[in-house]
Amino acid sequence: MALLAATIPSEVGLRLLFCPLTSNIVTRTACCTIGIGLPLYSTFKAIENKNQNEREKWLLYWAVYGSFSLVEVVSDQVLYWCPFYYQIKFACLVWLQFPSCHGSKYLYARYLRPFLQKRQDTLDHLLNSLSHEIEKFISNHQQEIQFTKAMAVRCAITANKVLKDIISPAHIHEPGNAESRNAQTGLQSQDLVPNSDSELEAEN
């Protein structure tokens, strides 16, 4: 009975993963979770625990995953209609992370590292030129950037005030103010009414 209970969640998960009706929902969510969520937390743990082997493992993964994402920009537009495309993508992401396979390490050493080494000088020159152009653009448009920054800060402050008013609206009629107004009104009404018969006779 315990064995049956343990196998039910895995069977349900596999059926959802390979069901054509839920491929656009379940498989894409699973790919995002396995491809980004789990590696993100594992990278955090490797940094905090100062584990050099884990750091190297996840650096290799992110390098391969980054190149995989660049290719995916084009492949998603062409291959998304293919049957079981996201299921295959999910399997590839698992293979990249699986400890016994070392998929990310294999792809980095076999393909990515030689490709980048051959084009390292060109890429360094391109990055330096791009960095120079960005610095030039920022220096030439300093006033516009400062204006945009000030407007963004002002909009953020206004939005914060609006949210505070919506969440906890200010009470216009506070109890203390109401009592003071009633007291002042009572004093004014007492001034209008004569206090004694002598005042009435004096008036007559």
C-alpha atoms as a PDB file:
ATOM      1  CA  MET A   1       0.000   0.000   0.000  1.00  0.00           C
ATOM      2  CA  ALA A   2       2.829   2.378   0.858  1.00  0.00           C
ATOM      3  CA  LEU A   3       4.550   1.528  -2.436  1.00  0.00           C
ATOM      4  CA  LEU A   4       1.333   2.290  -4.330  1.00  0.00           C
ATOM      5  CA  ALA A   5       0.952   5.619  -2.545  1.00  0.00           C
ATOM      6  CA  ALA A   6       4.539   6.526  -3.417  1.00  0.00           C
ATOM      7  CA  THR A   7       4.121   5.751  -7.122  1.00  0.00           C
ATOM      8  CA  ILE A   8       0.813   7.616  -7.579  1.00  0.00           C
ATOM      9  CA  PRO A   9       2.283  11.177  -7.509  1.00  0.00           C
ATOM     10  CA  SER A  10       4.995  10.272 -10.039  1.00  0.00           C
ATOM     11  CA  GLU A  11       2.484   8.639 -12.380  1.00  0.00           C
ATOM     12  CA  VAL A  12       0.151  11.633 -12.161  1.00  0.00           C
ATOM     13  CA  GLY A  13       3.056  13.988 -12.785  1.00  0.00           C
ATOM     14  CA  LEU A  14       4.203  12.057 -15.852  1.00  0.00           C
ATOM     15  CA  ARG A  15       0.672  11.910 -17.247  1.00  0.00           C
ATOM     16  CA  LEU A  16       0.260  15.662 -16.824  1.00  0.00           C
ATOM     17  CA  LEU A  17       3.677  16.257 -18.358  1.00  0.00           C
ATOM     18  CA  PHE A  18       3.003  14.165 -21.446  1.00  0.00           C
ATOM     19  CA  CYS A  19      -0.670  14.986 -21.869  1.00  0.00           C
ATOM     20  CA  PRO A  20      -1.156  16.921 -25.145  1.00  0.00           C
ATOM     21  CA  LEU A  21      -3.993  18.992 -23.686  1.00  0.00           C
ATOM     22  CA  THR A  22      -1.836  20.451 -20.923  1.00  0.00           C
ATOM     23  CA  SER A  23       1.457  20.723 -22.817  1.00  0.00           C
ATOM     24  CA  ASN A  24       1.291  24.500 -23.062  1.00  0.00           C
ATOM     25  CA  ILE A  25       0.666  24.920 -19.343  1.00  0.00           C
ATOM     26  CA  VAL A  26       2.300  22.128 -17.388  1.00  0.00           C
ATOM     27  CA  THR A  27       5.381  21.505 -19.516  1.00  0.00           C
ATOM     28  CA  ARG A  28       6.319  25.172 -19.878  1.00  0.00           C
ATOM     29  CA  THR A  29       5.900  25.658 -16.136  1.00  0.00           C
ATOM     30  CA  ALA A  30       7.988  22.547 -15.503  1.00  0.00           C
ATOM     31  CA  CYS A  31      10.693  23.803 -17.889  1.00  0.00           C
ATOM     32  CA  CYS A  32      10.801  27.157 -16.130  1.00  0.00           C
ATOM     33  CA  THR A  33      10.979  25.508 -12.711  1.00  0.00           C
ATOM     34  CA  ILE A  34      13.677  22.997 -13.664  1.00  0.00           C
ATOM     35  CA  GLY A  35      15.601  25.329 -15.949  1.00  0.00           C
ATOM     36  CA  ILE A  36      15.645  28.479 -13.776  1.00  0.00           C
ATOM     37  CA  GLY A  37      14.054  28.032 -10.350  1.00  0.00           C
ATOM     38  CA  LEU A  38      15.972  25.002  -9.113  1.00  0.00           C
ATOM     39  CA  PRO A  39      19.372  26.104 -10.523  1.00  0.00           C
ATOM     40  CA  LEU A  40      18.873  29.573  -9.042  1.00  0.00           C
ATOM     41  CA  TYR A  41      18.404  28.197  -5.548  1.00  0.00           C
ATOM     42  CA  SER A  42      21.218  25.662  -6.012  1.00  0.00           C
ATOM     43  CA  THR A  43      23.560  28.464  -7.105  1.00  0.00           C
ATOM     44  CA  PHE A  44      22.584  30.453  -4.019  1.00  0.00           C
ATOM     45  CA  LYS A  45      23.380  27.452  -1.811  1.00  0.00           C
ATOM     46  CA  ALA A  46      26.731  26.910  -3.529  1.00  0.00           C
ATOM     47  CA  ILE A  47      27.727  30.564  -3.022  1.00  0.00           C
ATOM     48  CA  GLU A  48      26.637  30.684   0.609  1.00  0.00           C
ATOM     49  CA  ASN A  49      28.264  27.353   1.511  1.00  0.00           C
ATOM     50  CA  LYS A  50      31.477  28.311  -0.353  1.00  0.00           C
ATOM     51  CA  ASN A  51      31.510  24.964  -2.128  1.00  0.00           C
ATOM     52  CA  GLN A  52      33.961  25.314  -5.005  1.00  0.00           C
ATOM     53  CA  ASN A  53      32.809  22.163  -6.813  1.00  0.00           C
ATOM     54  CA  GLU A  54      29.176  23.241  -6.704  1.00  0.00           C
ATOM     55  CA  ARG A  55      30.105  26.740  -7.866  1.00  0.00           C
ATOM     56  CA  GLU A  56      31.952  25.334 -10.872  1.00  0.00           C
ATOM     57  CA  LYS A  57      29.070  22.988 -11.633  1.00  0.00           C
ATOM     58  CA  TRP A  58      26.475  25.754 -11.689  1.00  0.00           C
ATOM     59  CA  LEU A  59      28.728  28.190 -13.539  1.00  0.00           C
ATOM     60  CA  LEU A  60      29.026  25.591 -16.289  1.00  0.00           C
ATOM     61  CA  TYR A  61      25.271  25.093 -16.221  1.00  0.00           C
ATOM     62  CA  TRP A  62      24.506  28.810 -16.562  1.00  0.00           C
ATOM     63  CA  ALA A  63      27.023  29.149 -19.400  1.00  0.00           C
ATOM     64  CA  VAL A  64      25.376  26.300 -21.302  1.00  0.00           C
ATOM     65  CA  TYR A  65      21.874  27.454 -20.392  1.00  0.00           C
ATOM     66  CA  GLY A  66      22.650  30.972 -21.650  1.00  0.00           C
ATOM     67  CA  SER A  67      23.771  29.666 -25.027  1.00  0.00           C
ATOM     68  CA  PHE A  68      20.771  27.337 -25.036  1.00  0.00           C
ATOM     69  CA  SER A  69      18.488  30.339 -24.439  1.00  0.00           C
ATOM     70  CA  LEU A  70      20.064  32.247 -27.343  1.00  0.00           C
ATOM     71  CA  VAL A  71      19.369  29.342 -29.674  1.00  0.00           C
ATOM     72  CA  GLU A  72      15.896  28.971 -28.195  1.00  0.00           C
ATOM     73  CA  VAL A  73      14.924  32.494 -29.294  1.00  0.00           C
ATOM     74  CA  VAL A  74      14.878  31.188 -32.868  1.00  0.00           C
ATOM     75  CA  SER A  75      13.987  27.554 -32.240  1.00  0.00           C
ATOM     76  CA  ASP A  76      10.870  28.371 -30.217  1.00  0.00           C
ATOM     77  CA  GLN A  77       9.423  30.250 -33.185  1.00  0.00           C
ATOM     78  CA  VAL A  78      10.101  27.353 -35.529  1.00  0.00           C
ATOM     79  CA  LEU A  79       9.742  24.190 -33.443  1.00  0.00           C
ATOM     80  CA  TYR A  80       7.071  25.060 -30.873  1.00  0.00           C
ATOM     81  CA  TRP A  81       4.407  23.359 -33.007  1.00  0.00           C
ATOM     82  CA  CYS A  82       6.336  20.056 -33.094  1.00  0.00           C
ATOM     83  CA  PRO A  83       4.852  17.239 -30.974  1.00  0.00           C
ATOM     84  CA  PHE A  84       6.506  16.857 -27.570  1.00  0.00           C
ATOM     85  CA  TYR A  85       8.815  19.838 -28.151  1.00  0.00           C
ATOM     86  CA  TYR A  86       8.534  21.082 -24.573  1.00  0.00           C
ATOM     87  CA  GLN A  87       8.780  17.554 -23.223  1.00  0.00           C
ATOM     88  CA  ILE A  88      12.085  17.138 -25.065  1.00  0.00           C
ATOM     89  CA  LYS A  89      13.211  20.510 -23.756  1.00  0.00           C
ATOM     90  CA  PHE A  90      12.326  19.430 -20.226  1.00  0.00           C
ATOM     91  CA  ALA A  91      14.336  16.228 -20.636  1.00  0.00           C
ATOM     92  CA  CYS A  92      17.338  18.229 -21.913  1.00  0.00           C
ATOM     93  CA  LEU A  93      17.217  20.546 -18.908  1.00  0.00           C
ATOM     94  CA  VAL A  94      17.130  17.575 -16.551  1.00  0.00           C
ATOM     95  CA  TRP A  95      20.054  16.003 -18.428  1.00  0.00           C
ATOM     96  CA  LEU A  96      22.097  19.199 -18.055  1.00  0.00           C
ATOM     97  CA  GLN A  97      21.722  19.084 -14.262  1.00  0.00           C
ATOM     98  CA  PHE A  98      21.699  15.366 -13.517  1.00  0.00           C
ATOM     99  CA  PRO A  99      24.829  14.552 -11.468  1.00  0.00           C
ATOM    100  CA  SER A 100      25.568  11.228 -13.162  1.00  0.00           C
ATOM    101  CA  CYS A 101      25.303  12.691 -16.677  1.00  0.00           C
ATOM    102  CA  HIS A 102      27.242  15.954 -16.289  1.00  0.00           C
ATOM    103  CA  GLY A 103      25.464  17.217 -19.384  1.00  0.00           C
ATOM    104  CA  SER A 104      26.401  20.858 -18.911  1.00  0.00           C
ATOM    105  CA  LYS A 105      30.056  19.972 -18.328  1.00  0.00           C
ATOM    106  CA  TYR A 106      30.117  17.805 -21.453  1.00  0.00           C
ATOM    107  CA  LEU A 107      28.514  20.433 -23.693  1.00  0.00           C
ATOM    108  CA  TYR A 108      30.776  23.167 -22.353  1.00  0.00           C
ATOM    109  CA  ALA A 109      33.981  21.174 -22.885  1.00  0.00           C
ATOM    110  CA  ARG A 110      32.897  19.681 -26.213  1.00  0.00           C
ATOM    111  CA  TYR A 111      31.238  22.623 -27.977  1.00  0.00           C
ATOM    112  CA  LEU A 112      30.941  25.902 -26.076  1.00  0.00           C
ATOM    113  CA  ARG A 113      34.546  26.295 -24.883  1.00  0.00           C
ATOM    114  CA  PRO A 114      36.186  25.674 -28.313  1.00  0.00           C
ATOM    115  CA  PHE A 115      33.635  27.953 -29.990  1.00  0.00           C
ATOM    116  CA  LEU A 116      34.310  30.837 -27.598  1.00  0.00           C
ATOM    117  CA  GLN A 117      38.083  30.350 -27.600  1.00  0.00           C
ATOM    118  CA  LYS A 118      38.229  30.713 -31.373  1.00  0.00           C
ATOM    119  CA  ARG A 119      36.210  33.934 -31.263  1.00  0.00           C
ATOM    120  CA  GLN A 120      37.512  35.370 -27.998  1.00  0.00           C
ATOM    121  CA  ASP A 121      39.411  38.297 -29.561  1.00  0.00           C
ATOM    122  CA  THR A 122      36.472  39.269 -31.750  1.00  0.00           C
ATOM    123  CA  LEU A 123      34.041  39.095 -28.861  1.00  0.00           C
ATOM    124  CA  ASP A 124      36.348  41.133 -26.594  1.00  0.00           C
ATOM    125  CA  HIS A 125      36.649  43.826 -29.269  1.00  0.00           C
ATOM    126  CA  LEU A 126      32.879  43.841 -29.751  1.00  0.00           C
ATOM    127  CA  LEU A 127      32.229  44.160 -26.021  1.00  0.00           C
ATOM    128  CA  ASN A 128      34.755  46.976 -25.650  1.00  0.00           C
ATOM    129  CA  SER A 129      33.182  48.872 -28.540  1.00  0.00           C
ATOM    130  CA  LEU A 130      29.723  48.357 -27.112  1.00  0.00           C
ATOM    131  CA  SER A 131      30.840  49.544 -23.662  1.00  0.00           C
ATOM    132  CA  HIS A 132      32.422  52.656 -25.201  1.00  0.00           C
ATOM    133  CA  GLU A 133      29.256  53.459 -27.144  1.00  0.00           C
ATOM    134  CA  ILE A 134      27.101  53.062 -24.020  1.00  0.00           C
ATOM    135  CA  GLU A 135      29.362  55.403 -22.019  1.00  0.00           C
ATOM    136  CA  LYS A 136      29.280  57.914 -24.873  1.00  0.00           C
ATOM    137  CA  PHE A 137      25.497  57.759 -25.067  1.00  0.00           C
ATOM    138  CA  ILE A 138      25.141  58.278 -21.304  1.00  0.00           C
ATOM    139  CA  SER A 139      27.497  61.273 -21.279  1.00  0.00           C
ATOM    140  CA  ASN A 140      25.714  62.899 -24.247  1.00  0.00           C
ATOM    141  CA  HIS A 141      22.233  62.434 -22.781  1.00  0.00           C
ATOM    142  CA  GLN A 142      22.924  63.127 -19.118  1.00  0.00           C
ATOM    143  CA  GLN A 143      20.134  65.698 -18.766  1.00  0.00           C
ATOM    144  CA  GLU A 144      17.509  63.437 -20.335  1.00  0.00           C
ATOM    145  CA  ILE A 145      18.579  60.552 -18.100  1.00  0.00           C
ATOM    146  CA  GLN A 146      18.382  62.721 -14.962  1.00  0.00           C
ATOM    147  CA  PHE A 147      14.940  63.986 -16.014  1.00  0.00           C
ATOM    148  CA  THR A 148      13.710  60.444 -16.633  1.00  0.00           C
ATOM    149  CA  LYS A 149      15.109  59.342 -13.286  1.00  0.00           C
ATOM    150  CA  ALA A 150      13.401  62.227 -11.468  1.00  0.00           C
ATOM    151  CA  MET A 151      10.091  61.468 -13.192  1.00  0.00           C
ATOM    152  CA  ALA A 152      10.369  57.795 -12.294  1.00  0.00           C
ATOM    153  CA  VAL A 153      11.013  58.649  -8.641  1.00  0.00           C
ATOM    154  CA  ARG A 154       8.091  61.071  -8.603  1.00  0.00           C
ATOM    155  CA  CYS A 155       5.773  58.510 -10.177  1.00  0.00           C
ATOM    156  CA  ALA A 156       6.891  55.899  -7.651  1.00  0.00           C
ATOM    157  CA  ILE A 157       6.177  58.268  -4.749  1.00  0.00           C
ATOM    158  CA  THR A 158       2.752  59.148  -6.156  1.00  0.00           C
ATOM    159  CA  ALA A 159       1.897  55.493  -6.723  1.00  0.00           C
ATOM    160  CA  ASN A 160       2.986  54.685  -3.174  1.00  0.00           C
ATOM    161  CA  LYS A 161       0.704  57.404  -1.783  1.00  0.00           C
ATOM    162  CA  VAL A 162      -2.224  56.197  -3.887  1.00  0.00           C
ATOM    163  CA  LEU A 163      -1.717  52.623  -2.705  1.00  0.00           C
ATOM    164  CA  LYS A 164      -1.566  53.761   0.911  1.00  0.00           C
ATOM    165  CA  ASP A 165      -4.816  55.709   0.466  1.00  0.00           C
ATOM    166  CA  ILE A 166      -6.477  52.672  -1.085  1.00  0.00           C
ATOM    167  CA  ILE A 167      -5.244  50.212   1.531  1.00  0.00           C
ATOM    168  CA  SER A 168      -5.762  52.446   4.576  1.00  0.00           C
ATOM    169  CA  PRO A 169      -7.904  55.500   3.710  1.00  0.00           C
ATOM    170  CA  ALA A 170      -7.498  58.514   5.991  1.00  0.00           C
ATOM    171  CA  HIS A 171     -10.433  59.220   8.324  1.00  0.00           C
ATOM    172  CA  ILE A 172     -11.684  62.711   7.724  1.00  0.00           C
ATOM    173  CA  HIS A 173     -13.905  62.815  10.801  1.00  0.00           C
ATOM    174  CA  GLU A 174     -11.767  61.731  13.704  1.00  0.00           C
ATOM    175  CA  PRO A 175     -13.353  61.274  17.168  1.00  0.00           C
ATOM    176  CA  GLY A 176     -11.280  64.014  18.771  1.00  0.00           C
ATOM    177  CA  ASN A 177     -12.120  66.492  16.060  1.00  0.00           C
ATOM    178  CA  ALA A 178     -15.834  65.665  16.266  1.00  0.00           C
ATOM    179  CA  GLU A 179     -15.923  66.227  20.035  1.00  0.00           C
ATOM    180  CA  SER A 180     -14.094  69.521  19.760  1.00  0.00           C
ATOM    181  CA  ARG A 181     -16.488  70.666  17.041  1.00  0.00           C
ATOM    182  CA  ASN A 182     -19.486  69.687  19.191  1.00  0.00           C
ATOM    183  CA  ALA A 183     -18.020  71.550  22.170  1.00  0.00           C
ATOM    184  CA  GLN A 184     -17.467  74.674  20.105  1.00  0.00           C
ATOM    185  CA  THR A 185     -20.983  74.451  18.696  1.00  0.00           C
ATOM    186  CA  GLY A 186     -22.409  74.100  22.223  1.00  0.00           C
ATOM    187  CA  LEU A 187     -20.530  77.154  23.413  1.00  0.00           C
ATOM    188  CA  GLN A 188     -21.799  79.217  20.513  1.00  0.00           C
ATOM    189  CA  SER A 189     -25.412  78.135  21.158  1.00  0.00           C
ATOM    190  CA  GLN A 190     -25.063  79.012  24.843  1.00  0.00           C
ATOM    191  CA  ASP A 191     -23.874  82.496  23.906  1.00  0.00           C
ATOM    192  CA  LEU A 192     -27.015  83.012  21.850  1.00  0.00           C
ATOM    193  CA  VAL A 193     -29.394  81.965  24.681  1.00  0.00           C
ATOM    194  CA  PRO A 194     -29.773  84.394  27.704  1.00  0.00           C
ATOM    195  CA  ASN A 195     -28.404  82.880  30.913  1.00  0.00           C
ATOM    196  CA  SER A 196     -30.794  84.519  33.491  1.00  0.00           C
ATOM    197  CA  ASP A 197     -33.974  86.556  34.011  1.00  0.00           C
ATOM    198  CA  SER A 198     -31.902  89.619  34.881  1.00  0.00           C
ATOM    199  CA  GLU A 199     -30.401  89.624  31.424  1.00  0.00           C
ATOM    200  CA  LEU A 200     -33.905  89.414  29.936  1.00  0.00           C
ATOM    201  CA  GLU A 201     -35.076  92.401  32.070  1.00  0.00           C
ATOM    202  CA  ALA A 202     -31.991  94.384  31.099  1.00  0.00           C
ATOM    203  CA  GLU A 203     -32.709  93.790  27.511  1.00  0.00           C
ATOM    204  CA  ASN A 204     -36.334  94.895  27.992  1.00  0.00           C
END
